[in-house]
Amino acid sequence: MIKAEVGNIIEFKGGLRGIVEKVNENSVIVDLTYMENFRELDLEEKTVVNHKNYTIVQK
């Protein structure tokens, strides 16, 4: 399994995308404000995603 690094853009949970802000042992903390439709989705600004549950879109 390839783990994301700080600054990578990842995709998870059916198309949500965000920028990795911190890498933990089992997960990453992601800033969701990267998405153009962030305000429309009514989401929290940050979330935690397990390494098993995302793909790296851009390094």
PDB file of N, CA and C in Angstrom:
ATOM      1  N   MET A   1       0.840  -1.180   0.000  1.00  0.00           N
ATOM      2  CA  MET A   1       0.000   0.000   0.000  1.00  0.00           C
ATOM      3  C   MET A   1       0.889   1.247   0.000  1.00  0.00           C
ATOM      4  N   ILE A   2       0.588   2.166  -0.916  1.00  0.00           N
ATOM      5  CA  ILE A   2       1.324   3.430  -0.995  1.00  0.00           C
ATOM      6  C   ILE A   2       0.602   4.459  -0.142  1.00  0.00           C
ATOM      7  N   LYS A   3       1.312   5.058   0.791  1.00  0.00           N
ATOM      8  CA  LYS A   3       0.716   6.073   1.664  1.00  0.00           C
ATOM      9  C   LYS A   3       0.929   7.457   1.065  1.00  0.00           C
ATOM     10  N   ALA A   4      -0.070   8.295   1.226  1.00  0.00           N
ATOM     11  CA  ALA A   4       0.019   9.685   0.761  1.00  0.00           C
ATOM     12  C   ALA A   4       1.002  10.457   1.634  1.00  0.00           C
ATOM     13  N   GLU A   5       1.488  11.561   1.093  1.00  0.00           N
ATOM     14  CA  GLU A   5       2.371  12.456   1.822  1.00  0.00           C
ATOM     15  C   GLU A   5       1.696  13.813   1.951  1.00  0.00           C
ATOM     16  N   VAL A   6       2.188  14.630   2.851  1.00  0.00           N
ATOM     17  CA  VAL A   6       1.650  15.976   3.037  1.00  0.00           C
ATOM     18  C   VAL A   6       1.702  16.720   1.696  1.00  0.00           C
ATOM     19  N   GLY A   7       0.586  17.323   1.322  1.00  0.00           N
ATOM     20  CA  GLY A   7       0.504  18.075   0.075  1.00  0.00           C
ATOM     21  C   GLY A   7      -0.118  17.300  -1.068  1.00  0.00           C
ATOM     22  N   ASN A   8      -0.210  15.967  -0.959  1.00  0.00           N
ATOM     23  CA  ASN A   8      -0.848  15.157  -2.002  1.00  0.00           C
ATOM     24  C   ASN A   8      -2.337  15.425  -2.030  1.00  0.00           C
ATOM     25  N   ILE A   9      -2.926  15.284  -3.197  1.00  0.00           N
ATOM     26  CA  ILE A   9      -4.376  15.367  -3.340  1.00  0.00           C
ATOM     27  C   ILE A   9      -4.890  13.940  -3.433  1.00  0.00           C
ATOM     28  N   ILE A  10      -5.877  13.616  -2.582  1.00  0.00           N
ATOM     29  CA  ILE A  10      -6.428  12.268  -2.570  1.00  0.00           C
ATOM     30  C   ILE A  10      -7.917  12.297  -2.877  1.00  0.00           C
ATOM     31  N   GLU A  11      -8.420  11.149  -3.318  1.00  0.00           N
ATOM     32  CA  GLU A  11      -9.849  10.988  -3.568  1.00  0.00           C
ATOM     33  C   GLU A  11     -10.342   9.835  -2.716  1.00  0.00           C
ATOM     34  N   PHE A  12     -11.535  10.005  -2.152  1.00  0.00           N
ATOM     35  CA  PHE A  12     -12.092   8.990  -1.262  1.00  0.00           C
ATOM     36  C   PHE A  12     -13.601   9.110  -1.239  1.00  0.00           C
ATOM     37  N   LYS A  13     -14.244   8.120  -0.701  1.00  0.00           N
ATOM     38  CA  LYS A  13     -15.689   8.135  -0.443  1.00  0.00           C
ATOM     39  C   LYS A  13     -16.516   8.634  -1.629  1.00  0.00           C
ATOM     40  N   GLY A  14     -16.341   8.000  -2.770  1.00  0.00           N
ATOM     41  CA  GLY A  14     -17.193   8.314  -3.911  1.00  0.00           C
ATOM     42  C   GLY A  14     -16.954   9.646  -4.577  1.00  0.00           C
ATOM     43  N   GLY A  15     -15.741  10.128  -4.609  1.00  0.00           N
ATOM     44  CA  GLY A  15     -15.436  11.345  -5.363  1.00  0.00           C
ATOM     45  C   GLY A  15     -15.028  12.561  -4.558  1.00  0.00           C
ATOM     46  N   LEU A  16     -15.068  12.492  -3.245  1.00  0.00           N
ATOM     47  CA  LEU A  16     -14.585  13.626  -2.452  1.00  0.00           C
ATOM     48  C   LEU A  16     -13.074  13.731  -2.618  1.00  0.00           C
ATOM     49  N   ARG A  17     -12.582  14.949  -2.701  1.00  0.00           N
ATOM     50  CA  ARG A  17     -11.140  15.173  -2.839  1.00  0.00           C
ATOM     51  C   ARG A  17     -10.663  16.182  -1.809  1.00  0.00           C
ATOM     52  N   GLY A  18      -9.404  16.039  -1.431  1.00  0.00           N
ATOM     53  CA  GLY A  18      -8.821  16.970  -0.485  1.00  0.00           C
ATOM     54  C   GLY A  18      -7.313  16.908  -0.490  1.00  0.00           C
ATOM     55  N   ILE A  19      -6.707  17.856   0.205  1.00  0.00           N
ATOM     56  CA  ILE A  19      -5.251  17.945   0.321  1.00  0.00           C
ATOM     57  C   ILE A  19      -4.834  17.370   1.662  1.00  0.00           C
ATOM     58  N   VAL A  20      -3.853  16.475   1.639  1.00  0.00           N
ATOM     59  CA  VAL A  20      -3.356  15.854   2.862  1.00  0.00           C
ATOM     60  C   VAL A  20      -2.584  16.897   3.667  1.00  0.00           C
ATOM     61  N   GLU A  21      -2.991  17.071   4.929  1.00  0.00           N
ATOM     62  CA  GLU A  21      -2.318  18.025   5.815  1.00  0.00           C
ATOM     63  C   GLU A  21      -1.399  17.340   6.812  1.00  0.00           C
ATOM     64  N   LYS A  22      -1.756  16.109   7.204  1.00  0.00           N
ATOM     65  CA  LYS A  22      -0.935  15.389   8.176  1.00  0.00           C
ATOM     66  C   LYS A  22      -1.076  13.894   7.924  1.00  0.00           C
ATOM     67  N   VAL A  23       0.034  13.180   8.057  1.00  0.00           N
ATOM     68  CA  VAL A  23       0.036  11.731   7.883  1.00  0.00           C
ATOM     69  C   VAL A  23       0.251  11.084   9.237  1.00  0.00           C
ATOM     70  N   ASN A  24      -0.696  10.236   9.632  1.00  0.00           N
ATOM     71  CA  ASN A  24      -0.590   9.483  10.873  1.00  0.00           C
ATOM     72  C   ASN A  24      -0.269   8.033  10.536  1.00  0.00           C
ATOM     73  N   GLU A  25      -0.103   7.198  11.552  1.00  0.00           N
ATOM     74  CA  GLU A  25       0.264   5.803  11.333  1.00  0.00           C
ATOM     75  C   GLU A  25      -0.782   5.063  10.504  1.00  0.00           C
ATOM     76  N   ASN A  26      -2.064   5.262  10.800  1.00  0.00           N
ATOM     77  CA  ASN A  26      -3.124   4.520  10.121  1.00  0.00           C
ATOM     78  C   ASN A  26      -4.033   5.379   9.260  1.00  0.00           C
ATOM     79  N   SER A  27      -3.798   6.685   9.226  1.00  0.00           N
ATOM     80  CA  SER A  27      -4.722   7.571   8.516  1.00  0.00           C
ATOM     81  C   SER A  27      -4.048   8.881   8.119  1.00  0.00           C
ATOM     82  N   VAL A  28      -4.799   9.686   7.364  1.00  0.00           N
ATOM     83  CA  VAL A  28      -4.347  11.029   7.012  1.00  0.00           C
ATOM     84  C   VAL A  28      -5.434  12.028   7.399  1.00  0.00           C
ATOM     85  N   ILE A  29      -5.029  13.250   7.684  1.00  0.00           N
ATOM     86  CA  ILE A  29      -5.972  14.340   7.928  1.00  0.00           C
ATOM     87  C   ILE A  29      -6.016  15.153   6.646  1.00  0.00           C
ATOM     88  N   VAL A  30      -7.240  15.373   6.141  1.00  0.00           N
ATOM     89  CA  VAL A  30      -7.441  15.956   4.821  1.00  0.00           C
ATOM     90  C   VAL A  30      -8.216  17.263   4.915  1.00  0.00           C
ATOM     91  N   ASP A  31      -7.753  18.275   4.171  1.00  0.00           N
ATOM     92  CA  ASP A  31      -8.450  19.558   4.062  1.00  0.00           C
ATOM     93  C   ASP A  31      -9.376  19.486   2.850  1.00  0.00           C
ATOM     94  N   LEU A  32     -10.676  19.544   3.083  1.00  0.00           N
ATOM     95  CA  LEU A  32     -11.665  19.389   2.018  1.00  0.00           C
ATOM     96  C   LEU A  32     -11.980  20.688   1.289  1.00  0.00           C
ATOM     97  N   THR A  33     -11.487  21.817   1.765  1.00  0.00           N
ATOM     98  CA  THR A  33     -11.806  23.095   1.123  1.00  0.00           C
ATOM     99  C   THR A  33     -11.181  23.193  -0.277  1.00  0.00           C
ATOM    100  N   TYR A  34     -10.376  22.231  -0.654  1.00  0.00           N
ATOM    101  CA  TYR A  34      -9.779  22.152  -1.985  1.00  0.00           C
ATOM    102  C   TYR A  34     -10.853  22.028  -3.068  1.00  0.00           C
ATOM    103  N   MET A  35     -11.958  21.358  -2.755  1.00  0.00           N
ATOM    104  CA  MET A  35     -13.008  21.114  -3.745  1.00  0.00           C
ATOM    105  C   MET A  35     -13.757  22.407  -4.077  1.00  0.00           C
ATOM    106  N   GLU A  36     -14.049  22.602  -5.363  1.00  0.00           N
ATOM    107  CA  GLU A  36     -14.760  23.810  -5.794  1.00  0.00           C
ATOM    108  C   GLU A  36     -16.160  23.880  -5.192  1.00  0.00           C
ATOM    109  N   ASN A  37     -16.822  22.733  -5.030  1.00  0.00           N
ATOM    110  CA  ASN A  37     -18.193  22.709  -4.509  1.00  0.00           C
ATOM    111  C   ASN A  37     -18.246  22.427  -3.009  1.00  0.00           C
ATOM    112  N   PHE A  38     -17.179  22.741  -2.298  1.00  0.00           N
ATOM    113  CA  PHE A  38     -17.103  22.469  -0.856  1.00  0.00           C
ATOM    114  C   PHE A  38     -18.271  23.090  -0.094  1.00  0.00           C
ATOM    115  N   ARG A  39     -18.572  24.357  -0.348  1.00  0.00           N
ATOM    116  CA  ARG A  39     -19.651  25.064   0.371  1.00  0.00           C
ATOM    117  C   ARG A  39     -21.013  24.422   0.108  1.00  0.00           C
ATOM    118  N   GLU A  40     -21.239  23.984  -1.112  1.00  0.00           N
ATOM    119  CA  GLU A  40     -22.518  23.368  -1.475  1.00  0.00           C
ATOM    120  C   GLU A  40     -22.744  22.039  -0.764  1.00  0.00           C
ATOM    121  N   LEU A  41     -21.670  21.326  -0.479  1.00  0.00           N
ATOM    122  CA  LEU A  41     -21.778  19.999   0.132  1.00  0.00           C
ATOM    123  C   LEU A  41     -22.028  20.053   1.633  1.00  0.00           C
ATOM    124  N   ASP A  42     -21.806  21.212   2.250  1.00  0.00           N
ATOM    125  CA  ASP A  42     -22.043  21.392   3.680  1.00  0.00           C
ATOM    126  C   ASP A  42     -21.274  20.374   4.519  1.00  0.00           C
ATOM    127  N   LEU A  43     -19.957  20.304   4.286  1.00  0.00           N
ATOM    128  CA  LEU A  43     -19.077  19.377   5.002  1.00  0.00           C
ATOM    129  C   LEU A  43     -18.200  20.131   5.989  1.00  0.00           C
ATOM    130  N   GLU A  44     -17.626  19.407   6.928  1.00  0.00           N
ATOM    131  CA  GLU A  44     -16.604  19.985   7.798  1.00  0.00           C
ATOM    132  C   GLU A  44     -15.374  20.293   6.946  1.00  0.00           C
ATOM    133  N   GLU A  45     -14.542  21.230   7.398  1.00  0.00           N
ATOM    134  CA  GLU A  45     -13.360  21.606   6.623  1.00  0.00           C
ATOM    135  C   GLU A  45     -12.324  20.497   6.550  1.00  0.00           C
ATOM    136  N   LYS A  46     -12.219  19.691   7.601  1.00  0.00           N
ATOM    137  CA  LYS A  46     -11.206  18.631   7.653  1.00  0.00           C
ATOM    138  C   LYS A  46     -11.843  17.311   8.050  1.00  0.00           C
ATOM    139  N   THR A  47     -11.204  16.228   7.617  1.00  0.00           N
ATOM    140  CA  THR A  47     -11.671  14.900   7.983  1.00  0.00           C
ATOM    141  C   THR A  47     -10.488  13.953   8.058  1.00  0.00           C
ATOM    142  N   VAL A  48     -10.714  12.790   8.648  1.00  0.00           N
ATOM    143  CA  VAL A  48      -9.691  11.757   8.778  1.00  0.00           C
ATOM    144  C   VAL A  48     -10.067  10.600   7.858  1.00  0.00           C
ATOM    145  N   VAL A  49      -9.083  10.120   7.090  1.00  0.00           N
ATOM    146  CA  VAL A  49      -9.323   9.023   6.156  1.00  0.00           C
ATOM    147  C   VAL A  49      -8.265   7.946   6.374  1.00  0.00           C
ATOM    148  N   ASN A  50      -8.707   6.705   6.537  1.00  0.00           N
ATOM    149  CA  ASN A  50      -7.797   5.576   6.701  1.00  0.00           C
ATOM    150  C   ASN A  50      -7.007   5.370   5.411  1.00  0.00           C
ATOM    151  N   HIS A  51      -5.764   4.904   5.540  1.00  0.00           N
ATOM    152  CA  HIS A  51      -4.913   4.675   4.371  1.00  0.00           C
ATOM    153  C   HIS A  51      -5.549   3.705   3.377  1.00  0.00           C
ATOM    154  N   LYS A  52      -6.387   2.802   3.837  1.00  0.00           N
ATOM    155  CA  LYS A  52      -7.021   1.814   2.961  1.00  0.00           C
ATOM    156  C   LYS A  52      -8.142   2.414   2.119  1.00  0.00           C
ATOM    157  N   ASN A  53      -8.599   3.615   2.480  1.00  0.00           N
ATOM    158  CA  ASN A  53      -9.823   4.151   1.893  1.00  0.00           C
ATOM    159  C   ASN A  53      -9.644   5.324   0.947  1.00  0.00           C
ATOM    160  N   TYR A  54      -8.442   5.522   0.401  1.00  0.00           N
ATOM    161  CA  TYR A  54      -8.249   6.616  -0.545  1.00  0.00           C
ATOM    162  C   TYR A  54      -7.299   6.208  -1.662  1.00  0.00           C
ATOM    163  N   THR A  55      -7.327   7.004  -2.730  1.00  0.00           N
ATOM    164  CA  THR A  55      -6.346   6.865  -3.803  1.00  0.00           C
ATOM    165  C   THR A  55      -5.689   8.228  -4.001  1.00  0.00           C
ATOM    166  N   ILE A  56      -4.421   8.204  -4.351  1.00  0.00           N
ATOM    167  CA  ILE A  56      -3.678   9.442  -4.587  1.00  0.00           C
ATOM    168  C   ILE A  56      -3.978   9.916  -6.005  1.00  0.00           C
ATOM    169  N   VAL A  57      -4.467  11.143  -6.127  1.00  0.00           N
ATOM    170  CA  VAL A  57      -4.817  11.721  -7.424  1.00  0.00           C
ATOM    171  C   VAL A  57      -3.638  12.496  -7.992  1.00  0.00           C
ATOM    172  N   GLN A  58      -2.958  13.252  -7.123  1.00  0.00           N
ATOM    173  CA  GLN A  58      -1.841  14.099  -7.568  1.00  0.00           C
ATOM    174  C   GLN A  58      -0.826  14.206  -6.457  1.00  0.00           C
ATOM    175  N   LYS A  59       0.430  14.032  -6.833  1.00  0.00           N
ATOM    176  CA  LYS A  59       1.506  14.150  -5.840  1.00  0.00           C
ATOM    177  C   LYS A  59       2.094  15.533  -5.845  1.00  0.00           C
TER     178      LYS A  59
END
